[in-house]
Amino acid sequence: MINLAIVEDEDSYAAQLAEFVNKYQIESGTLFNVTRFRDGDEITNGYNSSFDIILMDIEMKFMDGMTAAEEIRKLDQNVVIMFITNMTNYAIRGYQVDALDYVLKPVSYFAFSQKLERAISRIRKSETNIITIEMSSGVKKLDIDNIFYIESEGHNLNFYTSGGEFTIRARLSDFEVQLAQYNFFRSNKGYLVNLKYVDGVEKGCCQIAGKQLLISRARKNDFMNALTDYMAGL
């Protein structure tokens, strides 16, 4: 099931897009759950990273699609955004929010179906490397490959990633099992590190993302073996 949002203030265009999605669903067998929003502020207010694809009109009354996309990208780096517009002069700003494509009005089914297929292909390539975490502000998707390490602090976990730092209430052991297949290893009871980002080991610590993270004596041999195996497999 692909969760798809249509953000379009004109009812006729929104209905046409929904009709095209349904036609594609029948032809391809791909199932969609479609949600309609009438303005950019509707989708950004309480955004919870639940969508796989967003079809975003650019010209809207309260919040234009480009501004809405910029707000969404602060919370969700993985959702596929496609703009619906009758203007092509937004290309540069589109790249800044990693827009996949543009659907030009008036919309033809053939062009739309080709672009939708491209969006689905991107989702399928990345979906196995995504985890979802529940934050106090809502749900956030994280690309596993962009996580440097996870730190346990009391009842909280701090995620240090290339896109910033995020805190949730959870146990480190839950993610230790989930991320083992992605070359994450527990250096001590407080850190789960991505071996990809280990720059070196010195004085009982591993160097990662500019930080020195302690390796416990009990885990040192296993950690070094895991790191050696990872480097040998590159």
C-alpha atoms as a PDB file:
ATOM      1  CA  MET A   1       0.000   0.000   0.000  1.00  0.00           C
ATOM      2  CA  ILE A   2       1.391   3.375  -1.077  1.00  0.00           C
ATOM      3  CA  ASN A   3       0.218   6.417   0.877  1.00  0.00           C
ATOM      4  CA  LEU A   4      -0.236   9.278  -1.565  1.00  0.00           C
ATOM      5  CA  ALA A   5      -1.245  12.871  -0.828  1.00  0.00           C
ATOM      6  CA  ILE A   6      -2.834  15.218  -3.341  1.00  0.00           C
ATOM      7  CA  VAL A   7      -2.325  18.863  -2.361  1.00  0.00           C
ATOM      8  CA  GLU A   8      -4.455  20.848  -4.792  1.00  0.00           C
ATOM      9  CA  ASP A   9      -6.819  23.762  -4.168  1.00  0.00           C
ATOM     10  CA  GLU A  10      -8.820  23.310  -7.386  1.00  0.00           C
ATOM     11  CA  ASP A  11     -11.425  20.568  -7.034  1.00  0.00           C
ATOM     12  CA  SER A  12     -11.437  19.707 -10.734  1.00  0.00           C
ATOM     13  CA  TYR A  13      -7.687  19.065 -10.842  1.00  0.00           C
ATOM     14  CA  ALA A  14      -7.766  17.166  -7.543  1.00  0.00           C
ATOM     15  CA  ALA A  15     -10.556  14.932  -8.876  1.00  0.00           C
ATOM     16  CA  GLN A  16      -8.642  14.345 -12.110  1.00  0.00           C
ATOM     17  CA  LEU A  17      -5.471  13.350 -10.250  1.00  0.00           C
ATOM     18  CA  ALA A  18      -7.441  10.992  -7.999  1.00  0.00           C
ATOM     19  CA  GLU A  19      -9.051   9.466 -11.097  1.00  0.00           C
ATOM     20  CA  PHE A  20      -5.630   8.982 -12.728  1.00  0.00           C
ATOM     21  CA  VAL A  21      -4.247   7.353  -9.565  1.00  0.00           C
ATOM     22  CA  ASN A  22      -7.222   4.986  -9.479  1.00  0.00           C
ATOM     23  CA  LYS A  23      -6.767   4.111 -13.167  1.00  0.00           C
ATOM     24  CA  TYR A  24      -3.072   3.411 -12.586  1.00  0.00           C
ATOM     25  CA  GLN A  25      -4.009   1.273  -9.585  1.00  0.00           C
ATOM     26  CA  ILE A  26      -6.328  -0.859 -11.710  1.00  0.00           C
ATOM     27  CA  GLU A  27      -3.799  -1.228 -14.518  1.00  0.00           C
ATOM     28  CA  SER A  28      -0.751  -1.977 -12.366  1.00  0.00           C
ATOM     29  CA  GLY A  29      -2.238  -3.731  -9.346  1.00  0.00           C
ATOM     30  CA  THR A  30      -0.429  -1.259  -7.070  1.00  0.00           C
ATOM     31  CA  LEU A  31      -2.618  -0.265  -4.122  1.00  0.00           C
ATOM     32  CA  PHE A  32      -2.894   3.382  -3.056  1.00  0.00           C
ATOM     33  CA  ASN A  33      -4.317   5.151  -0.050  1.00  0.00           C
ATOM     34  CA  VAL A  34      -5.114   8.690  -1.265  1.00  0.00           C
ATOM     35  CA  THR A  35      -5.570  11.733   0.987  1.00  0.00           C
ATOM     36  CA  ARG A  36      -6.655  15.154  -0.346  1.00  0.00           C
ATOM     37  CA  PHE A  37      -5.432  18.463   1.059  1.00  0.00           C
ATOM     38  CA  ARG A  38      -6.713  21.821  -0.198  1.00  0.00           C
ATOM     39  CA  ASP A  39      -3.693  23.958   0.672  1.00  0.00           C
ATOM     40  CA  GLY A  40      -0.048  23.735   1.667  1.00  0.00           C
ATOM     41  CA  ASP A  41      -0.788  24.729   5.242  1.00  0.00           C
ATOM     42  CA  GLU A  42      -3.183  21.785   5.617  1.00  0.00           C
ATOM     43  CA  ILE A  43      -0.547  19.157   4.942  1.00  0.00           C
ATOM     44  CA  THR A  44       2.248  20.876   6.875  1.00  0.00           C
ATOM     45  CA  ASN A  45       0.157  21.437  10.009  1.00  0.00           C
ATOM     46  CA  GLY A  46       0.928  18.379  12.151  1.00  0.00           C
ATOM     47  CA  TYR A  47       2.791  16.608   9.340  1.00  0.00           C
ATOM     48  CA  ASN A  48       3.650  13.074  10.497  1.00  0.00           C
ATOM     49  CA  SER A  49       5.821  11.574   7.721  1.00  0.00           C
ATOM     50  CA  SER A  50       3.158   9.026   6.799  1.00  0.00           C
ATOM     51  CA  PHE A  51       3.183   9.660   3.035  1.00  0.00           C
ATOM     52  CA  ASP A  52       5.254   7.944   0.360  1.00  0.00           C
ATOM     53  CA  ILE A  53       4.357  10.322  -2.495  1.00  0.00           C
ATOM     54  CA  ILE A  54       3.047  13.894  -2.444  1.00  0.00           C
ATOM     55  CA  LEU A  55       1.518  15.480  -5.554  1.00  0.00           C
ATOM     56  CA  MET A  56       1.869  19.172  -4.744  1.00  0.00           C
ATOM     57  CA  ASP A  57       0.256  22.070  -6.564  1.00  0.00           C
ATOM     58  CA  ILE A  58       2.560  25.103  -6.529  1.00  0.00           C
ATOM     59  CA  GLU A  59       0.080  27.986  -6.659  1.00  0.00           C
ATOM     60  CA  MET A  60      -2.240  27.906  -3.629  1.00  0.00           C
ATOM     61  CA  LYS A  61      -3.924  30.580  -1.538  1.00  0.00           C
ATOM     62  CA  PHE A  62      -2.513  30.297   1.981  1.00  0.00           C
ATOM     63  CA  MET A  63       0.792  28.415   1.574  1.00  0.00           C
ATOM     64  CA  ASP A  64       2.270  27.782  -1.861  1.00  0.00           C
ATOM     65  CA  GLY A  65       3.509  24.318  -2.729  1.00  0.00           C
ATOM     66  CA  MET A  66       7.186  25.237  -2.771  1.00  0.00           C
ATOM     67  CA  THR A  67       7.051  26.657   0.759  1.00  0.00           C
ATOM     68  CA  ALA A  68       5.081  23.622   1.923  1.00  0.00           C
ATOM     69  CA  ALA A  69       7.701  21.323   0.386  1.00  0.00           C
ATOM     70  CA  GLU A  70      10.478  23.191   2.194  1.00  0.00           C
ATOM     71  CA  GLU A  71       8.649  22.702   5.521  1.00  0.00           C
ATOM     72  CA  ILE A  72       8.046  19.018   4.804  1.00  0.00           C
ATOM     73  CA  ARG A  73      11.712  18.432   3.962  1.00  0.00           C
ATOM     74  CA  LYS A  74      12.654  19.591   7.460  1.00  0.00           C
ATOM     75  CA  LEU A  75      10.790  16.550   8.816  1.00  0.00           C
ATOM     76  CA  ASP A  76      10.888  14.019   6.002  1.00  0.00           C
ATOM     77  CA  GLN A  77      13.880  13.500   3.708  1.00  0.00           C
ATOM     78  CA  ASN A  78      12.411  10.445   1.994  1.00  0.00           C
ATOM     79  CA  VAL A  79       8.907  11.272   0.779  1.00  0.00           C
ATOM     80  CA  VAL A  80       8.754  11.631  -3.012  1.00  0.00           C
ATOM     81  CA  ILE A  81       7.493  15.087  -3.994  1.00  0.00           C
ATOM     82  CA  MET A  82       6.133  15.847  -7.464  1.00  0.00           C
ATOM     83  CA  PHE A  83       4.891  19.339  -8.305  1.00  0.00           C
ATOM     84  CA  ILE A  84       1.705  20.035 -10.241  1.00  0.00           C
ATOM     85  CA  THR A  85       2.017  23.317 -12.120  1.00  0.00           C
ATOM     86  CA  ASN A  86       1.446  25.185 -15.346  1.00  0.00           C
ATOM     87  CA  MET A  87       4.770  26.969 -14.958  1.00  0.00           C
ATOM     88  CA  THR A  88       8.254  25.579 -15.520  1.00  0.00           C
ATOM     89  CA  ASN A  89      10.264  28.359 -13.866  1.00  0.00           C
ATOM     90  CA  TYR A  90      10.406  26.600 -10.493  1.00  0.00           C
ATOM     91  CA  ALA A  91      13.040  24.068 -11.528  1.00  0.00           C
ATOM     92  CA  ILE A  92      15.924  25.479  -9.467  1.00  0.00           C
ATOM     93  CA  ARG A  93      13.865  25.740  -6.262  1.00  0.00           C
ATOM     94  CA  GLY A  94      12.548  22.260  -6.991  1.00  0.00           C
ATOM     95  CA  TYR A  95      16.045  20.850  -6.857  1.00  0.00           C
ATOM     96  CA  GLN A  96      16.515  22.486  -3.448  1.00  0.00           C
ATOM     97  CA  VAL A  97      13.681  20.400  -1.985  1.00  0.00           C
ATOM     98  CA  ASP A  98      14.695  17.290  -3.958  1.00  0.00           C
ATOM     99  CA  ALA A  99      11.535  17.266  -6.069  1.00  0.00           C
ATOM    100  CA  LEU A 100      11.451  14.172  -8.258  1.00  0.00           C
ATOM    101  CA  ASP A 101       9.552  15.698 -11.158  1.00  0.00           C
ATOM    102  CA  TYR A 102       6.951  18.149 -12.448  1.00  0.00           C
ATOM    103  CA  VAL A 103       3.518  17.310 -13.825  1.00  0.00           C
ATOM    104  CA  LEU A 104       2.453  20.092 -16.165  1.00  0.00           C
ATOM    105  CA  LYS A 105      -1.154  21.277 -16.412  1.00  0.00           C
ATOM    106  CA  PRO A 106      -3.237  20.328 -18.276  1.00  0.00           C
ATOM    107  CA  VAL A 107      -2.358  16.822 -17.078  1.00  0.00           C
ATOM    108  CA  SER A 108      -2.454  13.884 -19.494  1.00  0.00           C
ATOM    109  CA  TYR A 109      -2.826  10.361 -18.156  1.00  0.00           C
ATOM    110  CA  PHE A 110       0.089   8.963 -20.166  1.00  0.00           C
ATOM    111  CA  ALA A 111       2.598  11.532 -18.863  1.00  0.00           C
ATOM    112  CA  PHE A 112       1.200  11.229 -15.345  1.00  0.00           C
ATOM    113  CA  SER A 113       1.444   7.424 -15.311  1.00  0.00           C
ATOM    114  CA  GLN A 114       5.074   7.535 -16.483  1.00  0.00           C
ATOM    115  CA  LYS A 115       6.024   9.967 -13.728  1.00  0.00           C
ATOM    116  CA  LEU A 116       4.080   7.990 -11.114  1.00  0.00           C
ATOM    117  CA  GLU A 117       5.932   4.839 -12.158  1.00  0.00           C
ATOM    118  CA  ARG A 118       9.213   6.662 -11.677  1.00  0.00           C
ATOM    119  CA  ALA A 119       8.146   7.776  -8.200  1.00  0.00           C
ATOM    120  CA  ILE A 120       7.187   4.221  -7.235  1.00  0.00           C
ATOM    121  CA  SER A 121      10.556   2.943  -8.472  1.00  0.00           C
ATOM    122  CA  ARG A 122      12.338   5.402  -6.183  1.00  0.00           C
ATOM    123  CA  ILE A 123      10.247   4.249  -3.231  1.00  0.00           C
ATOM    124  CA  ARG A 124      10.997   0.586  -3.862  1.00  0.00           C
ATOM    125  CA  LYS A 125      14.717   1.249  -4.084  1.00  0.00           C
ATOM    126  CA  SER A 126      14.848   3.026  -0.735  1.00  0.00           C
ATOM    127  CA  GLU A 127      12.084   1.505   1.361  1.00  0.00           C
ATOM    128  CA  THR A 128      14.216  -1.324   2.782  1.00  0.00           C
ATOM    129  CA  ASN A 129      16.668   1.196   4.279  1.00  0.00           C
ATOM    130  CA  ILE A 130      14.143   3.321   6.141  1.00  0.00           C
ATOM    131  CA  ILE A 131      13.141   3.165   9.796  1.00  0.00           C
ATOM    132  CA  THR A 132      10.326   5.113  11.429  1.00  0.00           C
ATOM    133  CA  ILE A 133      10.773   6.666  14.853  1.00  0.00           C
ATOM    134  CA  GLU A 134       8.074   8.188  17.053  1.00  0.00           C
ATOM    135  CA  MET A 135       9.036  11.613  18.364  1.00  0.00           C
ATOM    136  CA  SER A 136       7.059  13.865  20.683  1.00  0.00           C
ATOM    137  CA  SER A 137       6.349  16.121  17.694  1.00  0.00           C
ATOM    138  CA  GLY A 138       5.194  13.252  15.464  1.00  0.00           C
ATOM    139  CA  VAL A 139       6.486  10.387  13.343  1.00  0.00           C
ATOM    140  CA  LYS A 140       9.738  10.756  11.402  1.00  0.00           C
ATOM    141  CA  LYS A 141      11.345   8.550   8.766  1.00  0.00           C
ATOM    142  CA  LEU A 142      15.117   8.117   8.879  1.00  0.00           C
ATOM    143  CA  ASP A 143      17.402   6.768   6.186  1.00  0.00           C
ATOM    144  CA  ILE A 144      19.442   4.129   8.009  1.00  0.00           C
ATOM    145  CA  ASP A 145      22.492   4.912   5.909  1.00  0.00           C
ATOM    146  CA  ASN A 146      22.522   8.488   7.280  1.00  0.00           C
ATOM    147  CA  ILE A 147      22.631   7.500  10.959  1.00  0.00           C
ATOM    148  CA  PHE A 148      26.088   7.975  12.528  1.00  0.00           C
ATOM    149  CA  TYR A 149      25.270   6.454  15.902  1.00  0.00           C
ATOM    150  CA  ILE A 150      22.564   6.138  18.548  1.00  0.00           C
ATOM    151  CA  GLU A 151      23.165   7.100  22.162  1.00  0.00           C
ATOM    152  CA  SER A 152      21.193   5.817  25.149  1.00  0.00           C
ATOM    153  CA  GLU A 153      20.561   8.478  27.778  1.00  0.00           C
ATOM    154  CA  GLY A 154      18.223   7.494  30.598  1.00  0.00           C
ATOM    155  CA  HIS A 155      14.943   6.424  29.041  1.00  0.00           C
ATOM    156  CA  ASN A 156      15.726   8.310  25.827  1.00  0.00           C
ATOM    157  CA  LEU A 157      17.634   7.539  22.652  1.00  0.00           C
ATOM    158  CA  ASN A 158      19.495  10.270  20.780  1.00  0.00           C
ATOM    159  CA  PHE A 159      19.900   9.679  17.044  1.00  0.00           C
ATOM    160  CA  TYR A 160      22.901  11.478  15.513  1.00  0.00           C
ATOM    161  CA  THR A 161      22.448  11.697  11.748  1.00  0.00           C
ATOM    162  CA  SER A 162      23.644  13.681   8.756  1.00  0.00           C
ATOM    163  CA  GLY A 163      20.317  15.510   8.922  1.00  0.00           C
ATOM    164  CA  GLY A 164      20.537  16.504  12.581  1.00  0.00           C
ATOM    165  CA  GLU A 165      19.880  15.095  16.041  1.00  0.00           C
ATOM    166  CA  PHE A 166      16.586  13.491  17.118  1.00  0.00           C
ATOM    167  CA  THR A 167      15.431  12.201  20.500  1.00  0.00           C
ATOM    168  CA  ILE A 168      12.807   9.545  21.266  1.00  0.00           C
ATOM    169  CA  ARG A 169      11.775   7.439  24.251  1.00  0.00           C
ATOM    170  CA  ALA A 170      12.913   3.877  23.543  1.00  0.00           C
ATOM    171  CA  ARG A 171      15.425   1.190  24.470  1.00  0.00           C
ATOM    172  CA  LEU A 172      18.715   0.737  22.658  1.00  0.00           C
ATOM    173  CA  SER A 173      18.261  -3.030  22.608  1.00  0.00           C
ATOM    174  CA  ASP A 174      15.224  -2.647  20.319  1.00  0.00           C
ATOM    175  CA  PHE A 175      17.296  -0.967  17.636  1.00  0.00           C
ATOM    176  CA  GLU A 176      20.337  -3.189  18.199  1.00  0.00           C
ATOM    177  CA  VAL A 177      18.389  -6.143  16.811  1.00  0.00           C
ATOM    178  CA  GLN A 178      16.710  -4.127  14.055  1.00  0.00           C
ATOM    179  CA  LEU A 179      19.928  -2.538  12.748  1.00  0.00           C
ATOM    180  CA  ALA A 180      22.341  -5.474  13.087  1.00  0.00           C
ATOM    181  CA  GLN A 181      21.926  -6.366   9.408  1.00  0.00           C
ATOM    182  CA  TYR A 182      22.968  -2.822   8.443  1.00  0.00           C
ATOM    183  CA  ASN A 183      26.396  -3.052  10.125  1.00  0.00           C
ATOM    184  CA  PHE A 184      25.518  -1.369  13.388  1.00  0.00           C
ATOM    185  CA  PHE A 185      27.401  -2.615  16.437  1.00  0.00           C
ATOM    186  CA  ARG A 186      27.124  -1.813  20.121  1.00  0.00           C
ATOM    187  CA  SER A 187      30.445  -0.437  21.366  1.00  0.00           C
ATOM    188  CA  ASN A 188      29.213  -0.315  24.966  1.00  0.00           C
ATOM    189  CA  LYS A 189      25.899  -0.259  26.798  1.00  0.00           C
ATOM    190  CA  GLY A 190      25.314   3.362  25.789  1.00  0.00           C
ATOM    191  CA  TYR A 191      26.238   3.489  22.070  1.00  0.00           C
ATOM    192  CA  LEU A 192      25.106   1.721  18.913  1.00  0.00           C
ATOM    193  CA  VAL A 193      27.382   2.834  16.081  1.00  0.00           C
ATOM    194  CA  ASN A 194      27.254   2.594  12.317  1.00  0.00           C
ATOM    195  CA  LEU A 195      30.527   0.895  11.356  1.00  0.00           C
ATOM    196  CA  LYS A 196      30.440   2.743   8.041  1.00  0.00           C
ATOM    197  CA  TYR A 197      31.317   5.990   9.804  1.00  0.00           C
ATOM    198  CA  VAL A 198      34.048   4.741  12.136  1.00  0.00           C
ATOM    199  CA  ASP A 199      37.146   6.759  11.182  1.00  0.00           C
ATOM    200  CA  GLY A 200      39.499   5.002  13.585  1.00  0.00           C
ATOM    201  CA  VAL A 201      40.029   3.443  17.003  1.00  0.00           C
ATOM    202  CA  GLU A 202      42.348   5.006  19.541  1.00  0.00           C
ATOM    203  CA  LYS A 203      42.777   4.860  23.331  1.00  0.00           C
ATOM    204  CA  GLY A 204      39.763   2.650  23.864  1.00  0.00           C
ATOM    205  CA  CYS A 205      37.452   4.834  21.777  1.00  0.00           C
ATOM    206  CA  CYS A 206      36.101   4.772  18.238  1.00  0.00           C
ATOM    207  CA  GLN A 207      36.146   8.002  16.288  1.00  0.00           C
ATOM    208  CA  ILE A 208      32.878   8.728  14.568  1.00  0.00           C
ATOM    209  CA  ALA A 209      31.384  11.990  13.262  1.00  0.00           C
ATOM    210  CA  GLY A 210      34.026  13.960  15.138  1.00  0.00           C
ATOM    211  CA  LYS A 211      33.232  12.298  18.487  1.00  0.00           C
ATOM    212  CA  GLN A 212      35.170   9.841  20.653  1.00  0.00           C
ATOM    213  CA  LEU A 213      32.842   7.028  21.719  1.00  0.00           C
ATOM    214  CA  LEU A 214      33.999   4.656  24.421  1.00  0.00           C
ATOM    215  CA  ILE A 215      34.439   0.973  23.616  1.00  0.00           C
ATOM    216  CA  SER A 216      33.900  -1.134  26.735  1.00  0.00           C
ATOM    217  CA  ARG A 217      36.522  -3.714  27.645  1.00  0.00           C
ATOM    218  CA  ALA A 218      33.971  -6.488  27.511  1.00  0.00           C
ATOM    219  CA  ARG A 219      32.989  -5.587  23.943  1.00  0.00           C
ATOM    220  CA  LYS A 220      36.377  -4.519  22.562  1.00  0.00           C
ATOM    221  CA  ASN A 221      37.354  -7.801  20.861  1.00  0.00           C
ATOM    222  CA  ASP A 222      33.902  -8.323  19.346  1.00  0.00           C
ATOM    223  CA  PHE A 223      33.781  -4.701  18.194  1.00  0.00           C
ATOM    224  CA  MET A 224      37.190  -4.880  16.530  1.00  0.00           C
ATOM    225  CA  ASN A 225      36.279  -8.166  14.832  1.00  0.00           C
ATOM    226  CA  ALA A 226      33.042  -6.663  13.536  1.00  0.00           C
ATOM    227  CA  LEU A 227      34.868  -3.570  12.278  1.00  0.00           C
ATOM    228  CA  THR A 228      37.554  -5.684  10.586  1.00  0.00           C
ATOM    229  CA  ASP A 229      34.898  -7.861   8.903  1.00  0.00           C
ATOM    230  CA  TYR A 230      33.034  -4.779   7.709  1.00  0.00           C
ATOM    231  CA  MET A 231      36.177  -3.157   6.239  1.00  0.00           C
ATOM    232  CA  ALA A 232      37.184  -6.427   4.553  1.00  0.00           C
ATOM    233  CA  GLY A 233      33.810  -6.596   2.877  1.00  0.00           C
ATOM    234  CA  LEU A 234      34.005  -3.122   1.312  1.00  0.00           C
END
